[in-house]
């Protein structure tokens, strides 16, 4: 054991758990928003439920999860970024931004081009969403380049990256399972 490893402070378990919960919330929220958007687009892109007026296209089951998923994802990314900063972990806002806009853009493009008739409005929205996702591809490497040095005892980027990916895969699976349970 060297002097550096003997004096390395332990990560505060409570903050690490809170960060991991935030990563899970981001992943679940993304899946709910993505699947809900697909469900609404599959009925024409507009739907309604309830109210005093006649409803031409009722919303599919589970479409309401977009109203829960997006705020939950944003709150998780903001809280997780704050907690992550105190731990020396990467923030969650930039990856969330990229994933939200690139996946939603994909939905617009898929439903605008590849699903039957060409819909110019969906294509325009898809292109705009993809363009909104692009800046993150330049900001993340810049942030990683600026973060080359870290204090002793702080896990490196590989540790956090593997943890984030593992937690995201659990969150995606759980989010899809919940969506399927609600939508059927």
N, C-alpha and C. Protein backbone atom coordinates (compact mmCIF):
# COMPACT_ATOMS: atom_id res chain seq x y z
N UNK A 1 0.85 -1.17 0.00
CA UNK A 1 0.00 0.00 0.00
C UNK A 1 0.90 1.23 0.00
N UNK A 2 0.61 2.16 -0.89
CA UNK A 2 1.41 3.38 -0.97
C UNK A 2 0.78 4.45 -0.10
N UNK A 3 1.49 5.53 0.07
CA UNK A 3 0.98 6.64 0.87
C UNK A 3 -0.24 7.28 0.21
N UNK A 4 -0.27 7.29 -1.13
CA UNK A 4 -1.42 7.89 -1.83
C UNK A 4 -2.69 7.09 -1.61
N UNK A 5 -2.59 5.76 -1.66
CA UNK A 5 -3.80 4.96 -1.49
C UNK A 5 -4.22 4.88 -0.04
N UNK A 6 -3.29 4.99 0.89
CA UNK A 6 -3.64 4.93 2.30
C UNK A 6 -4.40 6.19 2.72
N UNK A 7 -4.07 7.34 2.14
CA UNK A 7 -4.72 8.58 2.54
C UNK A 7 -5.87 8.98 1.61
N UNK A 8 -6.18 8.14 0.64
CA UNK A 8 -7.26 8.48 -0.29
C UNK A 8 -8.60 8.43 0.44
N UNK A 9 -9.36 9.51 0.37
CA UNK A 9 -10.65 9.52 1.06
C UNK A 9 -11.65 8.60 0.36
N UNK A 10 -12.50 7.98 1.15
CA UNK A 10 -13.54 7.12 0.59
C UNK A 10 -14.65 7.99 0.02
N UNK A 11 -15.29 7.48 -1.02
CA UNK A 11 -16.43 8.20 -1.59
C UNK A 11 -17.60 8.14 -0.62
N UNK A 12 -18.29 9.26 -0.42
CA UNK A 12 -19.46 9.24 0.47
C UNK A 12 -20.57 8.38 -0.13
N UNK A 13 -20.91 7.30 0.54
CA UNK A 13 -21.85 6.32 0.01
C UNK A 13 -23.22 6.93 -0.28
N UNK A 14 -23.69 7.80 0.57
CA UNK A 14 -25.01 8.41 0.36
C UNK A 14 -25.08 9.21 -0.94
N UNK A 15 -24.03 9.97 -1.22
CA UNK A 15 -24.02 10.76 -2.46
C UNK A 15 -23.86 9.88 -3.68
N UNK A 16 -23.08 8.82 -3.57
CA UNK A 16 -22.92 7.90 -4.70
C UNK A 16 -24.25 7.22 -5.01
N UNK A 17 -24.96 6.77 -3.98
CA UNK A 17 -26.27 6.14 -4.18
C UNK A 17 -27.24 7.15 -4.80
N UNK A 18 -27.23 8.39 -4.30
CA UNK A 18 -28.12 9.41 -4.87
C UNK A 18 -27.79 9.67 -6.34
N UNK A 19 -26.51 9.70 -6.69
CA UNK A 19 -26.11 9.89 -8.08
C UNK A 19 -26.61 8.72 -8.93
N UNK A 20 -26.45 7.51 -8.43
CA UNK A 20 -26.88 6.34 -9.19
C UNK A 20 -28.40 6.33 -9.37
N UNK A 21 -29.15 6.77 -8.37
CA UNK A 21 -30.60 6.88 -8.51
C UNK A 21 -30.94 7.91 -9.59
N UNK A 22 -30.21 9.01 -9.63
CA UNK A 22 -30.44 10.03 -10.66
C UNK A 22 -30.18 9.47 -12.06
N UNK A 23 -29.12 8.68 -12.21
CA UNK A 23 -28.84 8.05 -13.51
C UNK A 23 -29.99 7.14 -13.91
N UNK A 24 -30.51 6.36 -12.96
CA UNK A 24 -31.65 5.49 -13.25
C UNK A 24 -32.88 6.31 -13.65
N UNK A 25 -33.13 7.41 -12.95
CA UNK A 25 -34.29 8.25 -13.28
C UNK A 25 -34.17 8.83 -14.69
N UNK A 26 -32.98 9.23 -15.06
CA UNK A 26 -32.76 9.77 -16.41
C UNK A 26 -33.07 8.70 -17.45
N UNK A 27 -32.56 7.49 -17.24
CA UNK A 27 -32.77 6.41 -18.21
C UNK A 27 -34.24 6.02 -18.30
N UNK A 28 -34.91 5.88 -17.17
CA UNK A 28 -36.33 5.52 -17.17
C UNK A 28 -37.15 6.62 -17.84
N UNK A 29 -36.87 7.86 -17.50
CA UNK A 29 -37.60 8.99 -18.09
C UNK A 29 -37.42 9.07 -19.60
N UNK A 30 -36.21 8.80 -20.06
CA UNK A 30 -35.95 8.82 -21.50
C UNK A 30 -36.76 7.75 -22.21
N UNK A 31 -36.79 6.55 -21.66
CA UNK A 31 -37.54 5.45 -22.28
C UNK A 31 -39.04 5.77 -22.30
N UNK A 32 -39.56 6.29 -21.19
CA UNK A 32 -40.98 6.62 -21.15
C UNK A 32 -41.32 7.69 -22.17
N UNK A 33 -40.49 8.72 -22.27
CA UNK A 33 -40.76 9.79 -23.24
C UNK A 33 -40.67 9.26 -24.66
N UNK A 34 -39.67 8.46 -24.94
CA UNK A 34 -39.46 7.93 -26.29
C UNK A 34 -40.60 7.01 -26.72
N UNK A 35 -40.96 6.07 -25.85
CA UNK A 35 -42.04 5.14 -26.20
C UNK A 35 -43.39 5.84 -26.27
N UNK A 36 -43.63 6.80 -25.38
CA UNK A 36 -44.89 7.55 -25.42
C UNK A 36 -45.00 8.37 -26.70
N UNK A 37 -43.90 8.98 -27.10
CA UNK A 37 -43.90 9.76 -28.34
C UNK A 37 -44.20 8.85 -29.53
N UNK A 38 -43.61 7.67 -29.55
CA UNK A 38 -43.87 6.73 -30.65
C UNK A 38 -45.34 6.32 -30.68
N UNK A 39 -45.92 6.11 -29.51
CA UNK A 39 -47.32 5.72 -29.45
C UNK A 39 -48.22 6.82 -29.99
N UNK A 40 -47.94 8.06 -29.62
CA UNK A 40 -48.75 9.18 -30.11
C UNK A 40 -48.55 9.37 -31.61
N UNK A 41 -47.31 9.25 -32.07
CA UNK A 41 -47.06 9.42 -33.51
C UNK A 41 -47.71 8.29 -34.31
N UNK A 42 -47.86 7.12 -33.72
CA UNK A 42 -48.47 6.01 -34.45
C UNK A 42 -49.96 6.21 -34.67
N UNK A 43 -50.59 7.11 -33.90
CA UNK A 43 -52.01 7.42 -34.13
C UNK A 43 -52.17 8.74 -34.87
N UNK A 44 -51.10 9.23 -35.47
CA UNK A 44 -51.19 10.43 -36.28
C UNK A 44 -50.49 11.64 -35.71
N UNK A 45 -49.94 11.55 -34.51
CA UNK A 45 -49.18 12.66 -33.94
C UNK A 45 -49.98 13.58 -33.04
N UNK A 46 -51.28 13.39 -32.96
CA UNK A 46 -52.11 14.21 -32.09
C UNK A 46 -53.22 13.34 -31.51
N UNK A 47 -53.48 13.51 -30.23
CA UNK A 47 -54.53 12.74 -29.57
C UNK A 47 -55.03 13.53 -28.38
N UNK A 48 -56.12 13.08 -27.81
CA UNK A 48 -56.68 13.74 -26.63
C UNK A 48 -57.38 12.70 -25.79
N UNK A 49 -57.53 13.02 -24.51
CA UNK A 49 -58.26 12.15 -23.61
C UNK A 49 -59.06 13.01 -22.64
N UNK A 50 -60.27 12.59 -22.35
CA UNK A 50 -61.11 13.31 -21.40
C UNK A 50 -61.67 14.60 -21.96
N UNK A 51 -62.34 15.34 -21.11
CA UNK A 51 -62.90 16.63 -21.52
C UNK A 51 -64.33 16.52 -22.00
N UNK A 52 -64.92 17.67 -22.24
CA UNK A 52 -66.34 17.73 -22.60
C UNK A 52 -66.58 17.61 -24.10
N UNK A 53 -65.55 17.70 -24.90
CA UNK A 53 -65.72 17.70 -26.35
C UNK A 53 -65.54 16.30 -26.91
N UNK A 54 -66.04 16.11 -28.12
CA UNK A 54 -65.86 14.83 -28.78
C UNK A 54 -64.39 14.66 -29.17
N UNK A 55 -63.86 13.51 -28.88
CA UNK A 55 -62.46 13.24 -29.14
C UNK A 55 -62.34 12.40 -30.40
N UNK A 56 -61.66 12.95 -31.40
CA UNK A 56 -61.51 12.24 -32.68
C UNK A 56 -60.50 11.10 -32.56
N UNK A 57 -59.39 11.34 -31.89
CA UNK A 57 -58.35 10.32 -31.73
C UNK A 57 -57.97 10.22 -30.26
N UNK A 58 -58.41 9.17 -29.59
CA UNK A 58 -58.01 9.02 -28.18
C UNK A 58 -56.53 8.67 -28.07
N UNK A 59 -55.93 9.10 -26.98
CA UNK A 59 -54.51 8.80 -26.76
C UNK A 59 -54.33 7.32 -26.45
N UNK A 60 -53.25 6.74 -26.96
CA UNK A 60 -52.96 5.34 -26.62
C UNK A 60 -52.65 5.19 -25.14
N UNK A 61 -52.89 3.99 -24.62
CA UNK A 61 -52.53 3.72 -23.22
C UNK A 61 -51.03 3.93 -23.05
N UNK A 62 -50.66 4.56 -21.98
CA UNK A 62 -49.24 4.80 -21.70
C UNK A 62 -48.72 6.11 -22.24
N UNK A 63 -49.50 6.79 -23.08
CA UNK A 63 -49.02 8.06 -23.64
C UNK A 63 -48.81 9.12 -22.56
N UNK A 64 -49.53 8.99 -21.47
CA UNK A 64 -49.41 9.96 -20.37
C UNK A 64 -48.03 9.89 -19.71
N UNK A 65 -47.29 8.81 -19.92
CA UNK A 65 -45.98 8.69 -19.29
C UNK A 65 -44.98 9.73 -19.80
N UNK A 66 -45.23 10.34 -20.95
CA UNK A 66 -44.34 11.40 -21.43
C UNK A 66 -44.39 12.59 -20.47
N UNK A 67 -45.56 12.83 -19.89
CA UNK A 67 -45.71 13.95 -18.95
C UNK A 67 -45.01 13.68 -17.62
N UNK A 68 -44.73 12.43 -17.33
CA UNK A 68 -43.98 12.07 -16.13
C UNK A 68 -42.50 11.92 -16.47
N UNK A 69 -42.21 11.29 -17.61
CA UNK A 69 -40.84 10.97 -17.98
C UNK A 69 -39.96 12.17 -18.22
N UNK A 70 -40.44 13.16 -18.96
CA UNK A 70 -39.59 14.32 -19.28
C UNK A 70 -39.20 15.13 -18.04
N UNK A 71 -40.15 15.52 -17.17
CA UNK A 71 -39.73 16.26 -15.97
C UNK A 71 -38.86 15.42 -15.04
N UNK A 72 -39.18 14.12 -14.92
CA UNK A 72 -38.38 13.25 -14.07
C UNK A 72 -36.94 13.16 -14.59
N UNK A 73 -36.81 13.05 -15.90
CA UNK A 73 -35.49 12.96 -16.52
C UNK A 73 -34.71 14.26 -16.31
N UNK A 74 -35.36 15.38 -16.50
CA UNK A 74 -34.68 16.67 -16.32
C UNK A 74 -34.27 16.89 -14.87
N UNK A 75 -35.17 16.58 -13.93
CA UNK A 75 -34.84 16.73 -12.51
C UNK A 75 -33.70 15.79 -12.11
N UNK A 76 -33.75 14.57 -12.62
CA UNK A 76 -32.68 13.60 -12.32
C UNK A 76 -31.34 14.06 -12.87
N UNK A 77 -31.35 14.61 -14.08
CA UNK A 77 -30.09 15.06 -14.69
C UNK A 77 -29.53 16.28 -13.95
N UNK A 78 -30.40 17.19 -13.54
CA UNK A 78 -29.92 18.38 -12.82
C UNK A 78 -29.38 18.00 -11.45
N UNK A 79 -30.15 17.20 -10.70
CA UNK A 79 -29.69 16.79 -9.37
C UNK A 79 -28.44 15.93 -9.49
N UNK A 80 -28.44 15.00 -10.45
CA UNK A 80 -27.28 14.13 -10.63
C UNK A 80 -26.03 14.90 -11.03
N UNK A 81 -26.19 15.95 -11.81
CA UNK A 81 -25.03 16.76 -12.19
C UNK A 81 -24.45 17.48 -10.98
N UNK A 82 -25.32 17.98 -10.12
CA UNK A 82 -24.86 18.64 -8.90
C UNK A 82 -24.15 17.68 -7.97
N UNK A 83 -24.75 16.51 -7.78
CA UNK A 83 -24.14 15.50 -6.92
C UNK A 83 -22.84 15.01 -7.55
N UNK A 84 -22.88 14.76 -8.85
CA UNK A 84 -21.70 14.28 -9.55
C UNK A 84 -20.53 15.25 -9.46
N UNK A 85 -20.83 16.53 -9.51
CA UNK A 85 -19.75 17.53 -9.41
C UNK A 85 -19.05 17.43 -8.06
N UNK A 86 -19.81 17.12 -7.02
CA UNK A 86 -19.18 17.01 -5.70
C UNK A 86 -18.37 15.72 -5.56
N UNK A 87 -18.60 14.76 -6.44
CA UNK A 87 -17.87 13.49 -6.40
C UNK A 87 -16.78 13.39 -7.46
N UNK A 88 -16.70 14.36 -8.33
CA UNK A 88 -15.76 14.29 -9.44
C UNK A 88 -16.26 13.41 -10.58
N UNK A 89 -17.58 13.17 -10.62
CA UNK A 89 -18.19 12.34 -11.66
C UNK A 89 -18.66 13.23 -12.81
N UNK A 90 -18.77 12.66 -14.01
CA UNK A 90 -19.26 13.44 -15.15
C UNK A 90 -20.71 13.89 -14.92
N UNK A 91 -21.05 15.03 -15.49
CA UNK A 91 -22.42 15.52 -15.34
C UNK A 91 -23.37 14.69 -16.19
N UNK A 92 -24.64 14.80 -15.89
CA UNK A 92 -25.66 14.06 -16.61
C UNK A 92 -26.42 14.92 -17.61
N UNK A 93 -26.26 16.24 -17.54
CA UNK A 93 -27.04 17.13 -18.41
C UNK A 93 -26.67 16.99 -19.88
N UNK A 94 -25.39 16.95 -20.18
CA UNK A 94 -24.99 16.85 -21.59
C UNK A 94 -25.41 15.52 -22.22
N UNK A 95 -25.15 14.39 -21.56
CA UNK A 95 -25.64 13.14 -22.17
C UNK A 95 -27.16 13.10 -22.28
N UNK A 96 -27.86 13.64 -21.27
CA UNK A 96 -29.32 13.67 -21.35
C UNK A 96 -29.78 14.51 -22.53
N UNK A 97 -29.17 15.67 -22.70
CA UNK A 97 -29.52 16.55 -23.82
C UNK A 97 -29.35 15.81 -25.15
N UNK A 98 -28.19 15.17 -25.31
CA UNK A 98 -27.92 14.46 -26.55
C UNK A 98 -28.92 13.33 -26.76
N UNK A 99 -29.16 12.54 -25.75
CA UNK A 99 -30.07 11.40 -25.89
C UNK A 99 -31.51 11.82 -26.15
N UNK A 100 -31.96 12.85 -25.47
CA UNK A 100 -33.34 13.31 -25.69
C UNK A 100 -33.52 13.78 -27.13
N UNK A 101 -32.67 14.68 -27.57
CA UNK A 101 -32.88 15.26 -28.89
C UNK A 101 -32.54 14.30 -30.03
N UNK A 102 -31.55 13.46 -29.84
CA UNK A 102 -31.23 12.52 -30.93
C UNK A 102 -32.29 11.43 -31.04
N UNK A 103 -32.80 10.92 -29.92
CA UNK A 103 -33.82 9.87 -30.01
C UNK A 103 -35.17 10.42 -30.46
N UNK A 104 -35.53 11.59 -29.97
CA UNK A 104 -36.80 12.19 -30.42
C UNK A 104 -36.70 12.59 -31.89
N UNK A 105 -35.54 13.07 -32.29
CA UNK A 105 -35.33 13.38 -33.70
C UNK A 105 -35.46 12.14 -34.56
N UNK A 106 -34.92 11.04 -34.07
CA UNK A 106 -35.06 9.77 -34.79
C UNK A 106 -36.54 9.42 -34.96
N UNK A 107 -37.32 9.57 -33.90
CA UNK A 107 -38.76 9.28 -34.00
C UNK A 107 -39.40 10.13 -35.09
N UNK A 108 -39.11 11.42 -35.08
CA UNK A 108 -39.69 12.30 -36.11
C UNK A 108 -39.27 11.85 -37.51
N UNK A 109 -37.99 11.56 -37.67
CA UNK A 109 -37.52 11.14 -39.00
C UNK A 109 -38.12 9.81 -39.42
N UNK A 110 -38.19 8.87 -38.50
CA UNK A 110 -38.76 7.57 -38.84
C UNK A 110 -40.22 7.69 -39.26
N UNK A 111 -41.00 8.44 -38.50
CA UNK A 111 -42.41 8.57 -38.84
C UNK A 111 -42.63 9.52 -40.02
N UNK A 112 -41.66 10.39 -40.30
CA UNK A 112 -41.80 11.31 -41.42
C UNK A 112 -41.33 10.75 -42.75
N UNK A 113 -40.44 9.78 -42.73
CA UNK A 113 -39.87 9.26 -43.97
C UNK A 113 -40.20 7.80 -44.19
N UNK A 114 -39.92 6.97 -43.20
CA UNK A 114 -39.93 5.53 -43.42
C UNK A 114 -41.25 4.85 -43.13
N UNK A 115 -42.21 5.53 -42.60
CA UNK A 115 -43.48 4.90 -42.25
C UNK A 115 -44.59 5.36 -43.20
N UNK A 116 -44.53 4.95 -44.42
CA UNK A 116 -45.60 5.30 -45.36
C UNK A 116 -45.32 6.61 -46.07
N UNK A 117 -46.29 7.49 -46.03
CA UNK A 117 -46.20 8.78 -46.74
C UNK A 117 -45.11 9.66 -46.12
N UNK A 118 -44.51 10.49 -46.98
CA UNK A 118 -43.52 11.45 -46.51
C UNK A 118 -44.26 12.62 -45.87
N UNK A 119 -43.89 12.94 -44.65
CA UNK A 119 -44.50 14.06 -43.92
C UNK A 119 -43.42 15.11 -43.68
N UNK A 120 -43.53 16.21 -44.39
CA UNK A 120 -42.50 17.25 -44.35
C UNK A 120 -42.37 17.83 -42.94
N UNK A 121 -43.48 18.03 -42.24
CA UNK A 121 -43.42 18.60 -40.89
C UNK A 121 -42.61 17.74 -39.95
N UNK A 122 -42.81 16.43 -40.01
CA UNK A 122 -42.04 15.52 -39.15
C UNK A 122 -40.57 15.51 -39.54
N UNK A 123 -40.29 15.59 -40.82
CA UNK A 123 -38.89 15.60 -41.28
C UNK A 123 -38.19 16.87 -40.80
N UNK A 124 -38.86 18.00 -40.91
CA UNK A 124 -38.27 19.26 -40.44
C UNK A 124 -38.00 19.18 -38.94
N UNK A 125 -38.98 18.69 -38.18
CA UNK A 125 -38.78 18.55 -36.73
C UNK A 125 -37.62 17.60 -36.43
N UNK A 126 -37.54 16.49 -37.16
CA UNK A 126 -36.46 15.54 -36.96
C UNK A 126 -35.10 16.14 -37.22
N UNK A 127 -34.98 16.89 -38.29
CA UNK A 127 -33.69 17.52 -38.62
C UNK A 127 -33.34 18.56 -37.55
N UNK A 128 -34.31 19.35 -37.12
CA UNK A 128 -34.05 20.35 -36.09
C UNK A 128 -33.62 19.68 -34.78
N UNK A 129 -34.29 18.61 -34.40
CA UNK A 129 -33.92 17.90 -33.18
C UNK A 129 -32.51 17.32 -33.29
N UNK A 130 -32.17 16.74 -34.42
CA UNK A 130 -30.83 16.18 -34.59
C UNK A 130 -29.78 17.29 -34.54
N UNK A 131 -30.09 18.45 -35.13
CA UNK A 131 -29.16 19.58 -35.06
C UNK A 131 -29.00 20.09 -33.63
N UNK A 132 -30.07 20.00 -32.84
CA UNK A 132 -29.99 20.41 -31.44
C UNK A 132 -29.14 19.44 -30.62
N UNK A 133 -29.06 18.18 -31.04
CA UNK A 133 -28.26 17.19 -30.33
C UNK A 133 -26.77 17.32 -30.65
N UNK A 134 -26.44 17.80 -31.84
CA UNK A 134 -25.05 17.81 -32.32
C UNK A 134 -24.05 18.57 -31.45
N UNK A 135 -24.38 19.74 -30.90
CA UNK A 135 -23.35 20.46 -30.13
C UNK A 135 -22.75 19.65 -28.98
N UNK A 136 -23.52 18.73 -28.43
CA UNK A 136 -23.01 17.93 -27.33
C UNK A 136 -21.83 17.08 -27.77
N UNK A 137 -21.83 16.65 -29.01
CA UNK A 137 -20.72 15.84 -29.50
C UNK A 137 -19.41 16.60 -29.49
N UNK A 138 -19.48 17.92 -29.49
CA UNK A 138 -18.28 18.74 -29.41
C UNK A 138 -17.99 19.17 -27.97
N UNK A 139 -19.03 19.33 -27.16
CA UNK A 139 -18.85 19.79 -25.79
C UNK A 139 -18.31 18.70 -24.87
N UNK A 140 -18.75 17.46 -25.05
CA UNK A 140 -18.29 16.38 -24.17
C UNK A 140 -16.78 16.16 -24.30
N UNK A 141 -16.23 16.00 -25.50
CA UNK A 141 -14.77 15.84 -25.58
C UNK A 141 -14.01 17.05 -25.02
N UNK A 142 -14.57 18.25 -25.21
CA UNK A 142 -13.93 19.44 -24.66
C UNK A 142 -13.91 19.37 -23.14
N UNK A 143 -15.04 18.96 -22.55
CA UNK A 143 -15.09 18.83 -21.09
C UNK A 143 -14.16 17.76 -20.56
N UNK A 144 -14.06 16.65 -21.29
CA UNK A 144 -13.17 15.58 -20.87
C UNK A 144 -11.71 16.00 -20.98
N UNK A 145 -11.40 16.79 -22.00
CA UNK A 145 -10.03 17.27 -22.18
C UNK A 145 -9.64 18.21 -21.04
N UNK A 146 -10.58 19.04 -20.60
CA UNK A 146 -10.31 19.98 -19.53
C UNK A 146 -10.19 19.28 -18.18
N UNK A 147 -10.66 18.04 -18.08
CA UNK A 147 -10.75 17.32 -16.82
C UNK A 147 -9.69 16.24 -16.70
N UNK A 148 -8.54 16.44 -17.25
CA UNK A 148 -7.53 15.37 -17.27
C UNK A 148 -6.96 15.09 -15.89
N UNK A 149 -6.83 16.08 -15.06
CA UNK A 149 -6.29 15.85 -13.73
C UNK A 149 -7.44 15.71 -12.74
N UNK A 150 -7.26 14.82 -11.78
CA UNK A 150 -8.26 14.64 -10.75
C UNK A 150 -7.56 14.44 -9.42
N UNK A 151 -8.21 14.81 -8.35
CA UNK A 151 -7.60 14.65 -7.04
C UNK A 151 -7.42 13.17 -6.69
N UNK A 152 -6.51 12.89 -5.79
CA UNK A 152 -6.29 11.51 -5.35
C UNK A 152 -7.55 10.98 -4.68
N UNK A 153 -7.86 9.74 -4.95
CA UNK A 153 -9.02 9.11 -4.34
C UNK A 153 -10.31 9.26 -5.12
N UNK A 154 -10.29 10.08 -6.16
CA UNK A 154 -11.48 10.26 -6.98
C UNK A 154 -11.41 9.28 -8.14
N UNK A 155 -12.44 8.45 -8.30
CA UNK A 155 -12.41 7.48 -9.40
C UNK A 155 -12.30 8.18 -10.76
N UNK A 156 -11.70 7.48 -11.69
CA UNK A 156 -11.52 8.04 -13.02
C UNK A 156 -12.75 7.92 -13.89
N UNK A 157 -12.62 8.41 -15.08
CA UNK A 157 -13.74 8.45 -16.03
C UNK A 157 -14.22 7.05 -16.39
N UNK A 158 -13.31 6.08 -16.45
CA UNK A 158 -13.73 4.72 -16.80
C UNK A 158 -14.68 4.16 -15.75
N UNK A 159 -14.38 4.40 -14.50
CA UNK A 159 -15.25 3.92 -13.41
C UNK A 159 -16.65 4.48 -13.56
N UNK A 160 -16.73 5.81 -13.72
CA UNK A 160 -18.05 6.44 -13.82
C UNK A 160 -18.76 6.03 -15.10
N UNK A 161 -18.01 5.93 -16.19
CA UNK A 161 -18.63 5.53 -17.46
C UNK A 161 -19.24 4.14 -17.40
N UNK A 162 -18.51 3.20 -16.80
CA UNK A 162 -19.04 1.84 -16.68
C UNK A 162 -20.26 1.82 -15.76
N UNK A 163 -20.19 2.55 -14.65
CA UNK A 163 -21.34 2.62 -13.74
C UNK A 163 -22.54 3.24 -14.43
N UNK A 164 -22.33 4.35 -15.15
CA UNK A 164 -23.44 5.01 -15.84
C UNK A 164 -24.06 4.09 -16.89
N UNK A 165 -23.22 3.41 -17.67
CA UNK A 165 -23.76 2.51 -18.70
C UNK A 165 -24.53 1.35 -18.10
N UNK A 166 -24.01 0.76 -17.03
CA UNK A 166 -24.71 -0.34 -16.37
C UNK A 166 -26.05 0.12 -15.81
N UNK A 167 -26.03 1.27 -15.15
CA UNK A 167 -27.28 1.79 -14.58
C UNK A 167 -28.27 2.18 -15.67
N UNK A 168 -27.78 2.73 -16.76
CA UNK A 168 -28.67 3.09 -17.87
C UNK A 168 -29.32 1.85 -18.47
N UNK A 169 -28.58 0.77 -18.58
CA UNK A 169 -29.18 -0.45 -19.13
C UNK A 169 -30.26 -0.99 -18.20
N UNK A 170 -30.04 -0.90 -16.90
CA UNK A 170 -31.08 -1.30 -15.94
C UNK A 170 -32.28 -0.36 -16.04
N UNK A 171 -32.02 0.93 -16.11
CA UNK A 171 -33.10 1.91 -16.22
C UNK A 171 -33.91 1.77 -17.49
N UNK A 172 -33.24 1.51 -18.60
CA UNK A 172 -33.94 1.31 -19.88
C UNK A 172 -34.81 0.07 -19.81
N UNK A 173 -34.28 -1.01 -19.26
CA UNK A 173 -35.06 -2.25 -19.15
C UNK A 173 -36.27 -2.05 -18.23
N UNK A 174 -36.05 -1.42 -17.09
CA UNK A 174 -37.14 -1.17 -16.15
C UNK A 174 -38.19 -0.24 -16.76
N UNK A 175 -37.72 0.82 -17.42
CA UNK A 175 -38.65 1.77 -18.04
C UNK A 175 -39.49 1.11 -19.12
N UNK A 176 -38.88 0.26 -19.94
CA UNK A 176 -39.63 -0.44 -20.99
C UNK A 176 -40.62 -1.42 -20.37
N UNK A 177 -40.21 -2.08 -19.30
CA UNK A 177 -41.11 -3.02 -18.62
C UNK A 177 -42.33 -2.29 -18.05
N UNK A 178 -42.10 -1.16 -17.39
CA UNK A 178 -43.21 -0.38 -16.82
C UNK A 178 -44.11 0.12 -17.94
N UNK A 179 -43.52 0.63 -19.01
CA UNK A 179 -44.33 1.14 -20.12
C UNK A 179 -45.20 0.03 -20.69
N UNK A 180 -44.62 -1.14 -20.91
CA UNK A 180 -45.40 -2.27 -21.44
C UNK A 180 -46.52 -2.65 -20.51
N UNK A 181 -46.27 -2.62 -19.20
CA UNK A 181 -47.29 -2.96 -18.21
C UNK A 181 -48.44 -1.94 -18.22
N UNK A 182 -48.11 -0.68 -18.41
CA UNK A 182 -49.12 0.38 -18.42
C UNK A 182 -49.85 0.43 -19.75
N UNK A 183 -49.16 0.18 -20.84
CA UNK A 183 -49.73 0.34 -22.19
C UNK A 183 -50.57 -0.86 -22.62
N UNK A 184 -50.56 -1.96 -21.89
CA UNK A 184 -51.37 -3.10 -22.31
C UNK A 184 -52.58 -3.28 -21.44
